[in-house]
């Protein structure tokens, strides 16, 4: 606990030093019991649906789907979605939004509220929003793991930039 409060007080974030002092004062009467250091790194293990984030799981060596799942390329980013994906509807919605974004001029100052399908994301309830976030993260991760074939394809760059923005918006 002492290490935690020391890190808070040393932080450059506005409220962190004050919070560090408060935590230290709350714990002042307790016997100082710091947790022992872990002896081994945690072991990677797959969670959730085997086909969600499959490429990342395969890259990390924790994929459980065997053999390779059948995929279908969708959207302007060419995302290779497993045909049995549990996030198929969310990927189709993202594809519609990404197609709108790919044909728009300013992508570096992306405001999703300017697109009809982007505005719909803001009104999602928590559960559908979480599924949409998972689909966006799956596409973003896939984009990071897939080498680009054509560096001059501007609509593709717009879409790849937009996927990151969509994921951040859904997570906030």
N, C-alpha and C. Protein backbone atom coordinates (compact mmCIF):
# COMPACT_ATOMS: atom_id res chain seq x y z
N UNK A 1 0.83 -1.18 0.00
CA UNK A 1 0.00 0.00 0.00
C UNK A 1 0.88 1.25 0.00
N UNK A 2 2.00 1.17 0.69
CA UNK A 2 2.91 2.32 0.72
C UNK A 2 3.41 2.66 -0.68
N UNK A 3 3.73 1.62 -1.44
CA UNK A 3 4.22 1.86 -2.81
C UNK A 3 3.14 2.52 -3.67
N UNK A 4 1.89 2.06 -3.50
CA UNK A 4 0.77 2.63 -4.25
C UNK A 4 0.59 4.11 -3.92
N UNK A 5 0.59 4.45 -2.63
CA UNK A 5 0.40 5.86 -2.26
C UNK A 5 1.59 6.70 -2.71
N UNK A 6 2.78 6.15 -2.66
CA UNK A 6 3.95 6.89 -3.12
C UNK A 6 3.86 7.19 -4.62
N UNK A 7 3.36 6.21 -5.39
CA UNK A 7 3.20 6.44 -6.83
C UNK A 7 2.13 7.48 -7.11
N UNK A 8 1.06 7.43 -6.34
CA UNK A 8 0.02 8.44 -6.52
C UNK A 8 0.57 9.84 -6.24
N UNK A 9 1.28 9.99 -5.12
CA UNK A 9 1.81 11.30 -4.77
C UNK A 9 2.86 11.80 -5.75
N UNK A 10 3.57 10.89 -6.41
CA UNK A 10 4.60 11.28 -7.38
C UNK A 10 4.03 11.53 -8.78
N UNK A 11 2.77 11.23 -8.97
CA UNK A 11 2.15 11.36 -10.29
C UNK A 11 1.98 12.83 -10.68
N UNK A 12 1.97 13.06 -11.98
CA UNK A 12 1.78 14.41 -12.51
C UNK A 12 0.33 14.71 -12.84
N UNK A 13 -0.56 13.74 -12.64
CA UNK A 13 -1.98 13.98 -12.86
C UNK A 13 -2.50 14.90 -11.78
N UNK A 14 -3.42 15.73 -12.12
CA UNK A 14 -3.88 16.82 -11.26
C UNK A 14 -4.31 16.36 -9.86
N UNK A 15 -5.17 15.37 -9.75
CA UNK A 15 -5.73 14.96 -8.46
C UNK A 15 -4.98 13.80 -7.80
N UNK A 16 -4.04 13.21 -8.48
CA UNK A 16 -3.38 12.01 -7.96
C UNK A 16 -2.63 12.26 -6.65
N UNK A 17 -1.82 13.33 -6.50
CA UNK A 17 -1.12 13.52 -5.21
C UNK A 17 -2.08 13.67 -4.04
N UNK A 18 -3.16 14.39 -4.24
CA UNK A 18 -4.16 14.57 -3.19
C UNK A 18 -4.78 13.22 -2.82
N UNK A 19 -5.11 12.40 -3.83
CA UNK A 19 -5.68 11.08 -3.57
C UNK A 19 -4.68 10.18 -2.85
N UNK A 20 -3.40 10.29 -3.18
CA UNK A 20 -2.37 9.51 -2.50
C UNK A 20 -2.29 9.83 -1.02
N UNK A 21 -2.38 11.11 -0.71
CA UNK A 21 -2.37 11.52 0.69
C UNK A 21 -3.61 11.00 1.41
N UNK A 22 -4.77 11.07 0.75
CA UNK A 22 -6.02 10.59 1.36
C UNK A 22 -5.96 9.09 1.62
N UNK A 23 -5.46 8.33 0.66
CA UNK A 23 -5.34 6.87 0.85
C UNK A 23 -4.38 6.57 1.99
N UNK A 24 -3.28 7.28 2.06
CA UNK A 24 -2.31 7.06 3.12
C UNK A 24 -2.92 7.35 4.49
N UNK A 25 -3.72 8.41 4.59
CA UNK A 25 -4.36 8.75 5.86
C UNK A 25 -5.41 7.71 6.24
N UNK A 26 -6.15 7.19 5.26
CA UNK A 26 -7.15 6.17 5.54
C UNK A 26 -6.52 4.87 6.04
N UNK A 27 -5.35 4.57 5.57
CA UNK A 27 -4.68 3.32 5.93
C UNK A 27 -3.69 3.48 7.08
N UNK A 28 -3.60 4.66 7.67
CA UNK A 28 -2.58 4.93 8.69
C UNK A 28 -2.72 4.03 9.91
N UNK A 29 -3.93 3.68 10.30
CA UNK A 29 -4.13 2.87 11.50
C UNK A 29 -3.97 1.38 11.26
N UNK A 30 -3.87 0.95 10.04
CA UNK A 30 -3.78 -0.47 9.73
C UNK A 30 -2.34 -0.96 9.81
N UNK A 31 -2.20 -2.23 10.07
CA UNK A 31 -0.87 -2.85 10.07
C UNK A 31 -0.39 -2.87 8.63
N UNK A 32 0.82 -2.44 8.39
CA UNK A 32 1.37 -2.39 7.04
C UNK A 32 1.58 -3.80 6.51
N UNK A 33 0.76 -4.19 5.59
CA UNK A 33 0.88 -5.51 4.97
C UNK A 33 0.94 -5.33 3.46
N UNK A 34 2.12 -5.35 2.93
CA UNK A 34 2.27 -5.28 1.49
C UNK A 34 2.21 -6.69 0.93
N UNK A 35 1.60 -6.83 -0.20
CA UNK A 35 1.49 -8.14 -0.83
C UNK A 35 2.85 -8.59 -1.33
N UNK A 36 3.14 -9.87 -1.23
CA UNK A 36 4.41 -10.36 -1.76
C UNK A 36 4.44 -10.22 -3.29
N UNK A 37 5.62 -10.11 -3.80
CA UNK A 37 5.77 -10.03 -5.25
C UNK A 37 5.36 -11.35 -5.87
N UNK A 38 4.70 -11.29 -7.03
CA UNK A 38 4.34 -12.55 -7.69
C UNK A 38 5.60 -13.27 -8.14
N UNK A 39 5.55 -14.59 -8.07
CA UNK A 39 6.72 -15.39 -8.42
C UNK A 39 6.74 -15.80 -9.88
N UNK A 40 5.57 -15.79 -10.51
CA UNK A 40 5.52 -16.20 -11.91
C UNK A 40 4.56 -15.30 -12.67
N UNK A 41 4.79 -15.15 -13.94
CA UNK A 41 3.89 -14.37 -14.77
C UNK A 41 2.59 -15.13 -14.96
N UNK A 42 1.49 -14.40 -15.08
CA UNK A 42 0.23 -15.11 -15.34
C UNK A 42 0.29 -15.80 -16.70
N UNK A 43 -0.40 -16.92 -16.80
CA UNK A 43 -0.43 -17.69 -18.04
C UNK A 43 -1.55 -17.17 -18.94
N UNK A 44 -1.25 -16.97 -20.21
CA UNK A 44 -2.26 -16.54 -21.16
C UNK A 44 -3.29 -17.64 -21.35
N UNK A 45 -4.55 -17.25 -21.44
CA UNK A 45 -5.61 -18.23 -21.66
C UNK A 45 -6.74 -17.56 -22.44
N UNK A 46 -7.37 -18.29 -23.34
CA UNK A 46 -8.47 -17.70 -24.12
C UNK A 46 -9.72 -17.54 -23.25
N UNK A 47 -10.49 -16.51 -23.54
CA UNK A 47 -11.77 -16.30 -22.86
C UNK A 47 -12.82 -15.94 -23.90
N UNK A 48 -14.07 -16.09 -23.54
CA UNK A 48 -15.16 -15.70 -24.42
C UNK A 48 -15.30 -16.63 -25.60
N UNK A 49 -15.94 -16.10 -26.64
CA UNK A 49 -16.16 -16.87 -27.85
C UNK A 49 -14.83 -17.14 -28.55
N UNK A 50 -14.60 -18.38 -28.99
CA UNK A 50 -13.33 -18.69 -29.64
C UNK A 50 -13.10 -17.91 -30.93
N UNK A 51 -14.16 -17.43 -31.58
CA UNK A 51 -13.99 -16.73 -32.85
C UNK A 51 -13.85 -15.22 -32.70
N UNK A 52 -14.16 -14.67 -31.53
CA UNK A 52 -14.01 -13.24 -31.31
C UNK A 52 -12.54 -12.95 -31.02
N UNK A 53 -11.98 -11.99 -31.73
CA UNK A 53 -10.56 -11.65 -31.63
C UNK A 53 -9.67 -12.85 -31.96
N UNK A 54 -10.11 -13.66 -32.90
CA UNK A 54 -9.40 -14.89 -33.23
C UNK A 54 -7.96 -14.62 -33.69
N UNK A 55 -7.78 -13.61 -34.55
CA UNK A 55 -6.41 -13.35 -35.05
C UNK A 55 -5.46 -13.00 -33.92
N UNK A 56 -5.94 -12.21 -32.96
CA UNK A 56 -5.09 -11.86 -31.83
C UNK A 56 -4.80 -13.10 -30.99
N UNK A 57 -5.82 -13.90 -30.73
CA UNK A 57 -5.62 -15.12 -29.95
C UNK A 57 -4.64 -16.06 -30.65
N UNK A 58 -4.75 -16.15 -31.99
CA UNK A 58 -3.84 -17.01 -32.74
C UNK A 58 -2.41 -16.46 -32.66
N UNK A 59 -2.26 -15.14 -32.77
CA UNK A 59 -0.94 -14.52 -32.69
C UNK A 59 -0.30 -14.78 -31.33
N UNK A 60 -1.12 -14.75 -30.26
CA UNK A 60 -0.61 -14.99 -28.91
C UNK A 60 -0.45 -16.47 -28.59
N UNK A 61 -0.93 -17.34 -29.49
CA UNK A 61 -0.82 -18.78 -29.27
C UNK A 61 -1.85 -19.34 -28.32
N UNK A 62 -3.00 -18.67 -28.19
CA UNK A 62 -4.03 -19.16 -27.27
C UNK A 62 -5.36 -19.44 -27.98
N UNK A 63 -5.35 -19.48 -29.29
CA UNK A 63 -6.57 -19.75 -30.04
C UNK A 63 -7.01 -21.19 -29.81
N UNK A 64 -8.32 -21.37 -29.60
CA UNK A 64 -8.83 -22.72 -29.38
C UNK A 64 -9.59 -23.26 -30.59
N UNK A 65 -9.93 -22.39 -31.54
CA UNK A 65 -10.66 -22.85 -32.72
C UNK A 65 -9.71 -23.64 -33.61
N UNK A 66 -10.09 -24.84 -33.91
CA UNK A 66 -9.24 -25.67 -34.75
C UNK A 66 -10.15 -26.49 -35.65
N UNK A 67 -10.01 -26.51 -36.90
CA UNK A 67 -9.01 -25.85 -37.73
C UNK A 67 -9.32 -24.36 -37.89
N UNK A 68 -8.55 -23.69 -38.76
CA UNK A 68 -8.77 -22.27 -39.04
C UNK A 68 -10.23 -22.06 -39.41
N UNK A 69 -10.87 -21.04 -38.84
CA UNK A 69 -12.28 -20.80 -39.20
C UNK A 69 -12.40 -20.26 -40.62
N UNK A 70 -13.51 -20.57 -41.26
CA UNK A 70 -13.79 -19.99 -42.58
C UNK A 70 -14.07 -18.51 -42.38
N UNK A 71 -13.54 -17.68 -43.27
CA UNK A 71 -13.72 -16.23 -43.16
C UNK A 71 -14.30 -15.68 -44.45
N UNK A 72 -14.88 -14.48 -44.32
CA UNK A 72 -15.38 -13.75 -45.47
C UNK A 72 -14.92 -12.31 -45.33
N UNK A 73 -14.27 -11.74 -46.37
CA UNK A 73 -13.84 -10.34 -46.28
C UNK A 73 -15.04 -9.41 -46.38
N UNK A 74 -15.13 -8.46 -45.45
CA UNK A 74 -16.23 -7.50 -45.48
C UNK A 74 -15.69 -6.09 -45.30
N UNK A 75 -16.45 -5.14 -45.79
CA UNK A 75 -16.17 -3.72 -45.56
C UNK A 75 -15.02 -3.18 -46.36
N UNK A 76 -14.88 -1.85 -46.32
CA UNK A 76 -13.80 -1.20 -47.06
C UNK A 76 -12.42 -1.49 -46.48
N UNK A 77 -12.38 -2.01 -45.26
CA UNK A 77 -11.09 -2.36 -44.66
C UNK A 77 -10.70 -3.80 -44.98
N UNK A 78 -11.61 -4.56 -45.63
CA UNK A 78 -11.32 -5.95 -45.99
C UNK A 78 -11.20 -6.86 -44.78
N UNK A 79 -11.86 -6.52 -43.69
CA UNK A 79 -11.80 -7.33 -42.47
C UNK A 79 -12.25 -8.76 -42.78
N UNK A 80 -11.44 -9.72 -42.36
CA UNK A 80 -11.76 -11.12 -42.59
C UNK A 80 -12.55 -11.65 -41.39
N UNK A 81 -13.87 -11.55 -41.49
CA UNK A 81 -14.76 -11.95 -40.41
C UNK A 81 -15.01 -13.45 -40.51
N UNK A 82 -14.88 -14.16 -39.38
CA UNK A 82 -15.25 -15.58 -39.40
C UNK A 82 -16.73 -15.71 -39.78
N UNK A 83 -17.04 -16.64 -40.65
CA UNK A 83 -18.42 -16.77 -41.11
C UNK A 83 -19.38 -17.11 -39.97
N UNK A 84 -18.89 -17.72 -38.91
CA UNK A 84 -19.74 -18.06 -37.77
C UNK A 84 -19.58 -17.06 -36.62
N UNK A 85 -19.15 -15.84 -36.93
CA UNK A 85 -18.92 -14.83 -35.89
C UNK A 85 -20.19 -14.51 -35.12
N UNK A 86 -20.06 -14.41 -33.80
CA UNK A 86 -21.19 -14.02 -32.97
C UNK A 86 -21.43 -12.52 -33.03
N UNK A 87 -20.52 -11.78 -33.66
CA UNK A 87 -20.64 -10.33 -33.80
C UNK A 87 -20.97 -9.91 -35.23
N UNK A 88 -21.58 -10.80 -35.99
CA UNK A 88 -21.87 -10.54 -37.40
C UNK A 88 -22.70 -9.27 -37.59
N UNK A 89 -23.79 -9.11 -36.82
CA UNK A 89 -24.65 -7.92 -36.96
C UNK A 89 -23.88 -6.64 -36.66
N UNK A 90 -23.04 -6.67 -35.63
CA UNK A 90 -22.26 -5.49 -35.27
C UNK A 90 -21.25 -5.15 -36.37
N UNK A 91 -20.63 -6.18 -36.95
CA UNK A 91 -19.68 -5.93 -38.04
C UNK A 91 -20.39 -5.37 -39.27
N UNK A 92 -21.60 -5.81 -39.53
CA UNK A 92 -22.35 -5.26 -40.66
C UNK A 92 -22.71 -3.80 -40.42
N UNK A 93 -23.06 -3.45 -39.18
CA UNK A 93 -23.33 -2.04 -38.86
C UNK A 93 -22.07 -1.20 -39.00
N UNK A 94 -20.95 -1.72 -38.50
CA UNK A 94 -19.68 -1.00 -38.64
C UNK A 94 -19.30 -0.83 -40.10
N UNK A 95 -19.56 -1.84 -40.91
CA UNK A 95 -19.25 -1.76 -42.35
C UNK A 95 -20.01 -0.61 -42.98
N UNK A 96 -21.30 -0.46 -42.65
CA UNK A 96 -22.08 0.65 -43.19
C UNK A 96 -21.50 2.00 -42.80
N UNK A 97 -21.10 2.15 -41.53
CA UNK A 97 -20.49 3.40 -41.08
C UNK A 97 -19.15 3.62 -41.76
N UNK A 98 -18.34 2.58 -41.87
CA UNK A 98 -17.02 2.73 -42.49
C UNK A 98 -17.14 3.09 -43.97
N UNK A 99 -18.17 2.60 -44.65
CA UNK A 99 -18.38 2.98 -46.05
C UNK A 99 -18.73 4.46 -46.16
N UNK A 100 -19.52 4.98 -45.21
CA UNK A 100 -19.82 6.41 -45.21
C UNK A 100 -18.55 7.23 -44.98
N UNK A 101 -17.73 6.77 -44.04
CA UNK A 101 -16.51 7.50 -43.70
C UNK A 101 -15.50 7.46 -44.84
N UNK A 102 -15.38 6.31 -45.52
CA UNK A 102 -14.41 6.16 -46.61
C UNK A 102 -14.66 7.14 -47.73
N UNK A 103 -15.91 7.54 -47.93
CA UNK A 103 -16.22 8.46 -49.02
C UNK A 103 -16.27 9.92 -48.56
N UNK A 104 -15.94 10.18 -47.30
CA UNK A 104 -15.99 11.56 -46.80
C UNK A 104 -14.61 12.18 -46.87
N UNK A 105 -14.54 13.50 -47.07
CA UNK A 105 -13.23 14.14 -47.20
C UNK A 105 -12.40 14.21 -45.91
N UNK A 106 -12.85 14.85 -44.83
CA UNK A 106 -11.93 15.00 -43.70
C UNK A 106 -12.00 13.82 -42.74
N UNK A 107 -10.96 13.01 -42.72
CA UNK A 107 -10.99 11.86 -41.81
C UNK A 107 -10.12 12.09 -40.59
N UNK A 108 -9.18 13.02 -40.63
CA UNK A 108 -8.30 13.23 -39.49
C UNK A 108 -8.97 14.03 -38.37
N UNK A 109 -10.10 14.69 -38.67
CA UNK A 109 -10.89 15.37 -37.65
C UNK A 109 -12.27 14.71 -37.62
N UNK A 110 -12.28 13.44 -37.41
CA UNK A 110 -13.49 12.64 -37.53
C UNK A 110 -14.47 12.94 -36.39
N UNK A 111 -15.68 13.35 -36.77
CA UNK A 111 -16.78 13.52 -35.82
C UNK A 111 -17.88 12.56 -36.26
N UNK A 112 -18.06 11.51 -35.49
CA UNK A 112 -19.02 10.47 -35.87
C UNK A 112 -20.44 10.98 -35.92
N UNK A 113 -20.72 12.11 -35.26
CA UNK A 113 -22.08 12.66 -35.27
C UNK A 113 -22.47 13.22 -36.64
N UNK A 114 -21.48 13.40 -37.52
CA UNK A 114 -21.76 13.92 -38.86
C UNK A 114 -22.33 12.85 -39.78
N UNK A 115 -22.29 11.59 -39.35
CA UNK A 115 -22.75 10.48 -40.17
C UNK A 115 -23.99 9.87 -39.52
N UNK A 116 -25.04 9.60 -40.31
CA UNK A 116 -26.25 9.00 -39.72
C UNK A 116 -25.97 7.72 -38.93
N UNK A 117 -25.14 6.85 -39.48
CA UNK A 117 -24.84 5.60 -38.78
C UNK A 117 -23.93 5.84 -37.58
N UNK A 118 -23.17 6.92 -37.61
CA UNK A 118 -22.34 7.28 -36.46
C UNK A 118 -23.18 7.82 -35.32
N UNK A 119 -24.20 8.62 -35.63
CA UNK A 119 -25.09 9.14 -34.59
C UNK A 119 -25.81 8.01 -33.87
N UNK A 120 -26.13 6.95 -34.60
CA UNK A 120 -26.83 5.81 -33.99
C UNK A 120 -25.99 5.15 -32.90
N UNK A 121 -24.67 5.20 -33.02
CA UNK A 121 -23.81 4.58 -32.01
C UNK A 121 -23.96 5.26 -30.65
N UNK A 122 -24.21 6.57 -30.66
CA UNK A 122 -24.30 7.32 -29.41
C UNK A 122 -25.55 6.95 -28.60
N UNK A 123 -26.55 6.40 -29.25
CA UNK A 123 -27.79 6.08 -28.54
C UNK A 123 -27.89 4.61 -28.12
N UNK A 124 -26.83 3.85 -28.31
CA UNK A 124 -26.87 2.43 -27.95
C UNK A 124 -26.92 2.24 -26.44
N UNK A 125 -27.71 1.26 -26.00
CA UNK A 125 -27.73 0.87 -24.60
C UNK A 125 -26.42 0.17 -24.27
N UNK A 126 -26.10 -0.01 -22.98
CA UNK A 126 -24.80 -0.57 -22.60
C UNK A 126 -24.45 -1.93 -23.22
N UNK A 127 -25.37 -2.89 -23.24
CA UNK A 127 -25.04 -4.22 -23.78
C UNK A 127 -24.74 -4.17 -25.28
N UNK A 128 -25.62 -3.55 -26.10
CA UNK A 128 -25.28 -3.47 -27.53
C UNK A 128 -24.04 -2.60 -27.78
N UNK A 129 -23.84 -1.59 -26.96
CA UNK A 129 -22.65 -0.75 -27.10
C UNK A 129 -21.39 -1.57 -26.83
N UNK A 130 -21.45 -2.44 -25.82
CA UNK A 130 -20.31 -3.31 -25.52
C UNK A 130 -20.00 -4.27 -26.66
N UNK A 131 -21.05 -4.83 -27.27
CA UNK A 131 -20.84 -5.73 -28.41
C UNK A 131 -20.25 -4.96 -29.60
N UNK A 132 -20.73 -3.73 -29.81
CA UNK A 132 -20.20 -2.91 -30.90
C UNK A 132 -18.74 -2.54 -30.63
N UNK A 133 -18.43 -2.24 -29.37
CA UNK A 133 -17.04 -1.96 -29.00
C UNK A 133 -16.16 -3.17 -29.26
N UNK A 134 -16.63 -4.34 -28.90
CA UNK A 134 -15.85 -5.56 -29.14
C UNK A 134 -15.62 -5.78 -30.63
N UNK A 135 -16.63 -5.51 -31.45
CA UNK A 135 -16.48 -5.65 -32.90
C UNK A 135 -15.46 -4.62 -33.43
N UNK A 136 -15.53 -3.38 -32.92
CA UNK A 136 -14.59 -2.34 -33.36
C UNK A 136 -13.16 -2.70 -32.95
N UNK A 137 -13.00 -3.20 -31.74
CA UNK A 137 -11.66 -3.60 -31.28
C UNK A 137 -11.15 -4.79 -32.11
N UNK A 138 -12.05 -5.70 -32.45
CA UNK A 138 -11.66 -6.84 -33.28
C UNK A 138 -11.15 -6.35 -34.64
N UNK A 139 -11.83 -5.39 -35.22
CA UNK A 139 -11.40 -4.86 -36.53
C UNK A 139 -10.10 -4.09 -36.39
N UNK A 140 -9.98 -3.31 -35.34
CA UNK A 140 -8.76 -2.52 -35.13
C UNK A 140 -7.56 -3.45 -34.92
N UNK A 141 -7.74 -4.46 -34.11
CA UNK A 141 -6.66 -5.43 -33.87
C UNK A 141 -6.28 -6.13 -35.16
N UNK A 142 -7.28 -6.50 -35.95
CA UNK A 142 -7.01 -7.14 -37.23
C UNK A 142 -6.22 -6.21 -38.14
N UNK A 143 -6.57 -4.92 -38.14
CA UNK A 143 -5.84 -3.95 -38.96
C UNK A 143 -4.39 -3.84 -38.52
N UNK A 144 -4.15 -3.90 -37.21
CA UNK A 144 -2.78 -3.82 -36.71
C UNK A 144 -1.96 -5.05 -37.07
N UNK A 145 -2.62 -6.20 -37.15
CA UNK A 145 -1.91 -7.45 -37.41
C UNK A 145 -1.78 -7.77 -38.90
N UNK A 146 -2.46 -7.01 -39.76
CA UNK A 146 -2.44 -7.28 -41.19
C UNK A 146 -1.55 -6.25 -41.89
N UNK A 147 -0.52 -6.69 -42.59
CA UNK A 147 0.31 -5.73 -43.33
C UNK A 147 -0.48 -5.10 -44.48
N UNK A 148 -0.31 -3.81 -44.66
CA UNK A 148 -1.01 -3.11 -45.75
C UNK A 148 -0.41 -3.51 -47.09
N UNK A 149 -1.29 -3.65 -48.07
CA UNK A 149 -0.84 -4.01 -49.40
C UNK A 149 -0.62 -2.78 -50.27
N UNK A 150 -1.45 -1.75 -50.08
CA UNK A 150 -1.38 -0.56 -50.93
C UNK A 150 -1.34 0.68 -50.03
N UNK A 151 -0.16 1.28 -49.92
CA UNK A 151 0.02 2.43 -49.05
C UNK A 151 -0.57 3.72 -49.62
N UNK A 152 -1.01 3.69 -50.87
CA UNK A 152 -1.58 4.88 -51.49
C UNK A 152 -3.11 4.87 -51.48
N UNK A 153 -3.72 3.89 -50.90
CA UNK A 153 -5.17 3.75 -50.87
C UNK A 153 -5.74 4.65 -49.77
N UNK A 154 -6.11 5.91 -50.13
CA UNK A 154 -6.59 6.86 -49.14
C UNK A 154 -7.89 6.44 -48.45
N UNK A 155 -8.88 5.90 -49.17
CA UNK A 155 -10.07 5.45 -48.46
C UNK A 155 -9.77 4.40 -47.38
N UNK A 156 -8.80 3.53 -47.65
CA UNK A 156 -8.41 2.53 -46.66
C UNK A 156 -7.81 3.21 -45.43
N UNK A 157 -6.94 4.21 -45.64
CA UNK A 157 -6.35 4.93 -44.51
C UNK A 157 -7.44 5.61 -43.68
N UNK A 158 -8.43 6.19 -44.36
CA UNK A 158 -9.54 6.83 -43.64
C UNK A 158 -10.26 5.82 -42.76
N UNK A 159 -10.51 4.65 -43.32
CA UNK A 159 -11.23 3.62 -42.59
C UNK A 159 -10.42 3.12 -41.40
N UNK A 160 -9.13 2.90 -41.59
CA UNK A 160 -8.29 2.42 -40.49
C UNK A 160 -8.21 3.45 -39.37
N UNK A 161 -8.13 4.71 -39.74
CA UNK A 161 -8.13 5.78 -38.73
C UNK A 161 -9.49 5.83 -38.04
N UNK A 162 -10.56 5.65 -38.79
CA UNK A 162 -11.91 5.72 -38.23
C UNK A 162 -12.18 4.59 -37.24
N UNK A 163 -11.66 3.40 -37.50
CA UNK A 163 -11.89 2.27 -36.60
C UNK A 163 -11.35 2.60 -35.21
N UNK A 164 -10.18 3.20 -35.15
CA UNK A 164 -9.60 3.61 -33.88
C UNK A 164 -10.51 4.63 -33.19
N UNK A 165 -10.99 5.61 -33.92
CA UNK A 165 -11.87 6.64 -33.36
C UNK A 165 -13.18 6.05 -32.86
N UNK A 166 -13.73 5.12 -33.62
CA UNK A 166 -14.99 4.47 -33.22
C UNK A 166 -14.80 3.70 -31.92
N UNK A 167 -13.72 2.96 -31.82
CA UNK A 167 -13.46 2.18 -30.60
C UNK A 167 -13.31 3.11 -29.39
N UNK A 168 -12.58 4.20 -29.57
CA UNK A 168 -12.41 5.14 -28.46
C UNK A 168 -13.74 5.77 -28.06
N UNK A 169 -14.56 6.13 -29.04
CA UNK A 169 -15.85 6.73 -28.73
C UNK A 169 -16.74 5.75 -27.97
N UNK A 170 -16.77 4.50 -28.40
CA UNK A 170 -17.61 3.51 -27.75
C UNK A 170 -17.12 3.18 -26.34
N UNK A 171 -15.82 3.28 -26.11
CA UNK A 171 -15.26 2.97 -24.80
C UNK A 171 -15.46 4.11 -23.80
N UNK A 172 -15.74 5.30 -24.29
CA UNK A 172 -15.87 6.43 -23.35
C UNK A 172 -17.28 6.59 -22.83
